[in-house]
């Protein structure tokens, strides 16, 4: 009896990913090309299942992780889902971050090597995902970037922890603070990926690496990975709990609302407007000012300070009539 019996991919009824096992190789594909392979909550749940199954399957020697199509490996979290759901229920973002943490830790703790096949751009959490893998092969016509400070978030789901280890402190700061694109050649030069290849030879380059990894001792490979993961896990476990809590709290603030709403509305973010508001004594932590106004008509308290009418009774609020 096998208490960790592997499953047949076709029986797992995945909706957002593709999962294939062929001989000693498992292939996991984010299958949301319409959304540039941004992962939503359901996709993360399915990725956890697939990577866990690949870990349990003793026939599997190597896991290849990629995205569908030719435009994106992954662009990270689904910003439309963030804006439509999590900005309205920040407490649920804590649960989401627990799921995201489990997803990356499934990759780190596979017990067998993983290869990120970068068929397209790896942006935000997409770059964090490929860094969670052991090795990466990248198409030479695509790019990597982080976008956290552009969209009202912080890339502390792997990027702030692992980029300094992989590329060094100064380059990590450049990637995270400037949010510019890192070309395939630059990613190779900086050590963000192991190989680059023309798009038509990407699979050939990945398969070369796969064939080498198959012919290695399992336990020796597993423990080599465990030792190599020391700095990655030290930085991760020292910070991810705090990051999860901070991001959850921050989701209720003005920055993610503006950044993600601008993304959904396909407009420019008003970065300077927020800075100007702050410099003039305004409040950017809350969408409409601090919850400090009390309606003199109905007594409703905790109204946003920028409201001009009471949200409960409709009474006009003025400097003379509104009281803290």
Protein backbone atom coordinates (compact mmCIF):
# COMPACT_ATOMS: atom_id res chain seq x y z
CA UNK A 1 0.00 0.00 0.00
CA UNK A 2 1.29 3.45 -0.93
CA UNK A 3 0.07 6.16 1.45
CA UNK A 4 1.24 8.80 -1.03
CA UNK A 5 -0.26 7.37 -4.18
CA UNK A 6 0.30 9.73 -7.16
CA UNK A 7 -2.72 10.73 -9.20
CA UNK A 8 -3.45 10.67 -12.91
CA UNK A 9 -3.39 14.27 -14.20
CA UNK A 10 -6.59 13.79 -16.20
CA UNK A 11 -8.49 12.89 -13.04
CA UNK A 12 -7.61 16.14 -11.29
CA UNK A 13 -10.02 18.29 -13.34
CA UNK A 14 -7.87 21.40 -13.47
CA UNK A 15 -9.40 24.56 -14.93
CA UNK A 16 -6.56 27.08 -14.88
CA UNK A 17 -3.46 24.93 -15.42
CA UNK A 18 -2.31 22.03 -17.56
CA UNK A 19 -0.58 19.08 -15.90
CA UNK A 20 1.20 16.31 -17.74
CA UNK A 21 3.35 13.41 -16.59
CA UNK A 22 5.34 11.53 -19.18
CA UNK A 23 7.96 9.09 -17.97
CA UNK A 24 10.25 10.80 -15.44
CA UNK A 25 9.14 14.33 -16.37
CA UNK A 26 6.18 16.32 -15.05
CA UNK A 27 5.16 19.48 -16.87
CA UNK A 28 3.02 22.14 -15.22
CA UNK A 29 1.64 24.96 -17.38
CA UNK A 30 -0.19 28.09 -16.26
CA UNK A 31 -3.02 28.05 -18.79
CA UNK A 32 -4.35 31.61 -18.73
CA UNK A 33 -2.79 33.10 -21.90
CA UNK A 34 -5.68 35.56 -22.28
CA UNK A 35 -4.52 37.11 -18.99
CA UNK A 36 -0.79 36.77 -19.74
CA UNK A 37 -0.77 33.77 -17.41
CA UNK A 38 -1.51 35.86 -14.34
CA UNK A 39 -2.50 33.45 -11.61
CA UNK A 40 -5.81 33.89 -9.81
CA UNK A 41 -6.84 32.22 -6.56
CA UNK A 42 -8.09 29.08 -8.31
CA UNK A 43 -4.87 28.75 -10.29
CA UNK A 44 -2.80 28.88 -7.08
CA UNK A 45 -4.93 26.12 -5.54
CA UNK A 46 -4.39 23.96 -8.62
CA UNK A 47 -0.65 24.66 -8.75
CA UNK A 48 -0.30 23.52 -5.14
CA UNK A 49 -2.07 20.27 -6.02
CA UNK A 50 0.04 19.64 -9.12
CA UNK A 51 3.40 20.33 -7.48
CA UNK A 52 2.45 18.25 -4.44
CA UNK A 53 1.48 15.35 -6.68
CA UNK A 54 4.74 15.63 -8.65
CA UNK A 55 6.65 15.64 -5.37
CA UNK A 56 4.90 12.46 -4.19
CA UNK A 57 5.33 10.59 -7.50
CA UNK A 58 8.49 8.49 -7.26
CA UNK A 59 8.61 8.10 -11.04
CA UNK A 60 9.05 11.84 -11.55
CA UNK A 61 12.66 13.03 -11.62
CA UNK A 62 12.24 16.59 -12.95
CA UNK A 63 9.45 19.18 -13.01
CA UNK A 64 9.24 21.72 -15.86
CA UNK A 65 7.13 24.80 -15.11
CA UNK A 66 5.98 27.15 -17.88
CA UNK A 67 3.15 29.31 -19.20
CA UNK A 68 0.78 28.77 -22.12
CA UNK A 69 1.34 30.61 -25.38
CA UNK A 70 4.36 32.66 -26.35
CA UNK A 71 3.79 36.02 -24.66
CA UNK A 72 4.13 35.32 -20.94
CA UNK A 73 5.55 32.82 -18.50
CA UNK A 74 3.52 34.63 -15.85
CA UNK A 75 2.73 38.23 -14.98
CA UNK A 76 2.11 37.40 -11.33
CA UNK A 77 -1.15 37.88 -9.49
CA UNK A 78 -4.35 38.72 -11.34
CA UNK A 79 -4.68 42.48 -10.74
CA UNK A 80 -8.31 42.47 -11.84
CA UNK A 81 -9.09 39.91 -9.14
CA UNK A 82 -7.12 41.97 -6.61
CA UNK A 83 -9.03 45.13 -7.50
CA UNK A 84 -12.49 43.60 -7.73
CA UNK A 85 -12.26 41.35 -4.66
CA UNK A 86 -9.30 41.75 -2.33
CA UNK A 87 -9.32 45.56 -2.08
CA UNK A 88 -12.91 45.14 -0.84
CA UNK A 89 -12.05 42.26 1.54
CA UNK A 90 -8.48 42.88 2.74
CA UNK A 91 -8.79 40.22 5.45
CA UNK A 92 -9.18 37.64 2.67
CA UNK A 93 -5.88 38.78 1.19
CA UNK A 94 -4.26 37.28 4.29
CA UNK A 95 -5.76 33.93 3.24
CA UNK A 96 -4.63 34.50 -0.34
CA UNK A 97 -1.08 35.20 0.80
CA UNK A 98 -1.14 31.97 2.78
CA UNK A 99 -2.04 30.18 -0.44
CA UNK A 100 0.65 32.01 -2.40
CA UNK A 101 3.18 31.09 0.28
CA UNK A 102 2.14 27.43 0.07
CA UNK A 103 2.51 27.56 -3.73
CA UNK A 104 6.09 28.86 -3.65
CA UNK A 105 7.03 26.51 -0.82
CA UNK A 106 5.73 23.57 -2.87
CA UNK A 107 8.30 24.50 -5.50
CA UNK A 108 11.09 24.98 -2.99
CA UNK A 109 10.25 21.74 -1.19
CA UNK A 110 9.66 19.52 -4.23
CA UNK A 111 12.49 17.21 -3.25
CA UNK A 112 13.45 17.06 -6.93
CA UNK A 113 14.77 19.67 -9.36
CA UNK A 114 12.50 22.14 -11.15
CA UNK A 115 13.14 24.09 -14.34
CA UNK A 116 11.35 27.32 -15.19
CA UNK A 117 10.76 27.41 -18.94
CA UNK A 118 10.43 31.15 -19.59
CA UNK A 119 8.45 31.19 -22.82
CA UNK A 120 7.57 34.86 -22.33
CA UNK A 121 7.78 37.71 -19.86
CA UNK A 122 8.18 36.93 -16.18
CA UNK A 123 6.76 39.92 -14.35
CA UNK A 124 6.12 40.52 -10.65
CA UNK A 125 5.08 37.24 -9.06
CA UNK A 126 6.07 35.58 -12.33
CA UNK A 127 9.69 36.44 -11.62
CA UNK A 128 9.26 35.31 -8.01
CA UNK A 129 7.87 32.03 -9.34
CA UNK A 130 10.82 31.40 -11.63
CA UNK A 131 13.24 32.25 -8.80
CA UNK A 132 11.52 29.61 -6.65
CA UNK A 133 12.58 27.04 -9.25
CA UNK A 134 16.07 25.54 -9.24
CA UNK A 135 16.98 26.42 -12.81
CA UNK A 136 15.64 28.67 -15.57
CA UNK A 137 15.87 28.67 -19.36
CA UNK A 138 14.62 31.81 -21.08
CA UNK A 139 13.59 32.69 -24.63
CA UNK A 140 15.99 35.35 -25.87
CA UNK A 141 13.25 37.74 -27.08
CA UNK A 142 11.49 38.32 -23.77
CA UNK A 143 12.14 40.04 -20.42
CA UNK A 144 11.89 39.96 -16.63
CA UNK A 145 10.69 42.78 -14.37
CA UNK A 146 9.23 43.65 -10.99
CA UNK A 147 6.34 46.13 -10.79
CA UNK A 148 5.35 46.34 -7.12
CA UNK A 149 6.03 50.04 -6.53
CA UNK A 150 4.27 50.81 -9.82
CA UNK A 151 0.97 49.18 -8.89
CA UNK A 152 0.65 49.91 -5.17
CA UNK A 153 2.22 46.77 -3.74
CA UNK A 154 5.56 45.47 -2.49
CA UNK A 155 7.34 42.54 -4.13
CA UNK A 156 7.98 40.80 -0.82
CA UNK A 157 6.64 37.43 -1.96
CA UNK A 158 10.11 36.30 -3.01
CA UNK A 159 11.70 39.23 -4.84
CA UNK A 160 12.89 41.30 -1.87
CA UNK A 161 14.13 38.09 -0.26
CA UNK A 162 15.82 36.34 -3.19
CA UNK A 163 16.99 38.99 -5.64
CA UNK A 164 19.84 40.17 -3.36
CA UNK A 165 21.00 36.54 -3.08
CA UNK A 166 20.82 35.89 -6.82
CA UNK A 167 21.96 39.19 -8.39
CA UNK A 168 23.46 41.14 -5.47
CA UNK A 169 22.22 44.08 -3.44
CA UNK A 170 22.71 46.94 -5.93
CA UNK A 171 21.16 45.09 -8.84
CA UNK A 172 18.27 43.95 -6.64
CA UNK A 173 17.59 47.57 -5.68
CA UNK A 174 17.69 48.58 -9.35
CA UNK A 175 15.16 45.89 -10.29
CA UNK A 176 12.82 46.60 -7.37
CA UNK A 177 13.00 50.40 -7.20
CA UNK A 178 13.15 51.28 -10.90
CA UNK A 179 10.82 48.52 -12.15
CA UNK A 180 12.50 48.47 -15.56
CA UNK A 181 12.65 45.56 -17.96
CA UNK A 182 15.58 43.17 -17.74
CA UNK A 183 16.34 41.70 -21.15
CA UNK A 184 17.12 38.01 -21.58
CA UNK A 185 20.81 38.73 -22.16
CA UNK A 186 20.96 40.97 -19.08
CA UNK A 187 19.10 38.33 -17.03
CA UNK A 188 21.73 35.80 -18.10
CA UNK A 189 24.61 38.17 -17.35
CA UNK A 190 23.18 38.94 -13.90
CA UNK A 191 22.53 35.29 -13.06
CA UNK A 192 18.74 35.55 -13.02
CA UNK A 193 18.55 32.64 -15.47
CA UNK A 194 20.89 29.79 -16.42
CA UNK A 195 20.45 29.68 -20.18
CA UNK A 196 18.87 31.73 -22.95
CA UNK A 197 17.87 30.33 -26.33
CA UNK A 198 16.18 31.43 -29.53
CA UNK A 199 12.47 30.83 -29.17
CA UNK A 200 12.50 28.01 -31.70
CA UNK A 201 15.18 26.22 -29.68
CA UNK A 202 13.76 26.87 -26.20
CA UNK A 203 12.36 23.36 -25.76
CA UNK A 204 15.56 21.82 -27.06
CA UNK A 205 17.57 23.70 -24.43
CA UNK A 206 15.13 22.75 -21.67
CA UNK A 207 15.19 19.09 -22.73
CA UNK A 208 19.00 19.02 -22.65
CA UNK A 209 18.88 20.08 -19.03
CA UNK A 210 16.09 17.60 -18.26
CA UNK A 211 18.08 14.68 -19.68
CA UNK A 212 21.10 15.55 -17.56
CA UNK A 213 19.02 15.82 -14.38
CA UNK A 214 17.26 12.49 -14.90
CA UNK A 215 20.54 10.60 -14.68
CA UNK A 216 21.43 11.64 -11.14
CA UNK A 217 20.92 9.92 -7.78
CA UNK A 218 17.59 10.92 -6.24
CA UNK A 219 18.58 11.21 -2.56
CA UNK A 220 21.83 13.00 -3.35
CA UNK A 221 19.97 15.45 -5.53
CA UNK A 222 17.28 15.98 -2.92
CA UNK A 223 19.78 16.78 -0.19
CA UNK A 224 21.90 18.96 -2.47
CA UNK A 225 18.78 21.06 -3.04
CA UNK A 226 18.11 21.19 0.70
CA UNK A 227 21.60 22.52 1.34
CA UNK A 228 21.45 24.98 -1.55
CA UNK A 229 18.12 26.31 -0.27
CA UNK A 230 19.62 27.46 3.06
CA UNK A 231 19.93 31.16 2.23
CA UNK A 232 16.75 31.20 0.20
CA UNK A 233 14.75 29.65 3.04
CA UNK A 234 16.45 31.74 5.74
CA UNK A 235 15.50 35.00 4.05
CA UNK A 236 12.03 33.67 3.19
CA UNK A 237 11.01 32.37 6.59
CA UNK A 238 12.51 35.40 8.34
CA UNK A 239 10.30 37.82 6.42
CA UNK A 240 7.27 36.23 4.77
CA UNK A 241 5.07 36.20 7.89
CA UNK A 242 5.59 39.93 8.39
CA UNK A 243 5.13 40.57 4.66
CA UNK A 244 1.86 38.66 4.63
CA UNK A 245 0.47 40.76 7.47
CA UNK A 246 1.70 44.07 6.09
CA UNK A 247 0.35 43.44 2.60
CA UNK A 248 -3.03 42.48 4.09
CA UNK A 249 -3.23 45.72 6.06
CA UNK A 250 -1.95 47.79 3.14
CA UNK A 251 -4.64 46.44 0.82
CA UNK A 252 -7.16 48.68 2.59
CA UNK A 253 -5.12 51.82 1.84
CA UNK A 254 -5.17 54.35 -0.97
CA UNK A 255 -2.06 53.23 -2.87
CA UNK A 256 -3.20 49.78 -4.01
CA UNK A 257 -6.65 51.17 -4.78
CA UNK A 258 -5.22 53.83 -7.07
CA UNK A 259 -2.59 51.56 -8.65
CA UNK A 260 -4.89 48.65 -9.37
CA UNK A 261 -7.87 50.77 -10.41
CA UNK A 262 -5.62 52.60 -12.89
CA UNK A 263 -4.52 49.22 -14.27
CA UNK A 264 -8.10 48.04 -14.71
CA UNK A 265 -9.20 51.39 -16.20
CA UNK A 266 -6.10 51.44 -18.46
CA UNK A 267 -5.01 54.89 -17.37
CA UNK A 268 -1.89 56.41 -15.88
CA UNK A 269 -1.43 56.23 -12.12
CA UNK A 270 -1.57 59.63 -10.42
CA UNK A 271 1.63 59.15 -8.39
CA UNK A 272 2.37 62.86 -8.10
CA UNK A 273 -1.20 63.69 -7.14
CA UNK A 274 -0.88 61.38 -4.13
CA UNK A 275 2.43 62.95 -3.16
CA UNK A 276 0.97 66.44 -3.53
CA UNK A 277 -2.00 65.49 -1.38
CA UNK A 278 0.32 64.17 1.32
CA UNK A 279 2.53 67.28 1.18
CA UNK A 280 -0.54 69.47 1.60
CA UNK A 281 -1.51 67.65 4.78
CA UNK A 282 -3.94 65.21 3.23
CA UNK A 283 -4.27 61.55 4.07
CA UNK A 284 -3.22 58.85 1.58
CA UNK A 285 -3.53 55.91 3.95
CA UNK A 286 -7.33 56.01 3.57
CA UNK A 287 -9.32 56.34 0.35
CA UNK A 288 -11.33 59.36 1.50
CA UNK A 289 -9.49 60.62 4.54
CA UNK A 290 -9.28 59.41 8.13
CA UNK A 291 -12.43 58.12 9.81
CA UNK A 292 -12.73 61.14 12.07
CA UNK A 293 -16.01 62.95 11.27
CA UNK A 294 -19.28 62.76 13.17
CA UNK A 295 -22.54 63.85 11.59
CA UNK A 296 -24.26 66.53 13.72
CA UNK A 297 -27.64 65.54 12.34
CA UNK A 298 -27.87 61.76 12.89
CA UNK A 299 -24.82 61.22 15.06
CA UNK A 300 -23.10 58.75 12.67
CA UNK A 301 -19.45 58.60 13.70
CA UNK A 302 -16.30 57.48 11.91
CA UNK A 303 -17.18 59.17 8.62
CA UNK A 304 -14.22 59.82 6.24
CA UNK A 305 -12.84 63.32 6.73
CA UNK A 306 -13.17 64.15 3.02
CA UNK A 307 -16.91 63.42 2.89
CA UNK A 308 -19.08 66.49 2.26
CA UNK A 309 -22.32 64.65 3.00
CA UNK A 310 -23.16 62.07 5.64
CA UNK A 311 -23.18 58.60 4.17
CA UNK A 312 -26.04 57.57 6.48
CA UNK A 313 -28.58 60.41 6.44
CA UNK A 314 -27.29 62.62 3.60
CA UNK A 315 -26.87 65.72 5.77
CA UNK A 316 -24.32 68.20 4.40
CA UNK A 317 -21.07 68.23 6.34
CA UNK A 318 -19.20 71.52 6.62
CA UNK A 319 -16.22 72.74 8.60
CA UNK A 320 -18.63 74.46 10.96
CA UNK A 321 -21.06 71.57 11.49
CA UNK A 322 -18.85 68.47 11.32
CA UNK A 323 -17.19 67.50 14.56
CA UNK A 324 -14.62 64.85 15.40
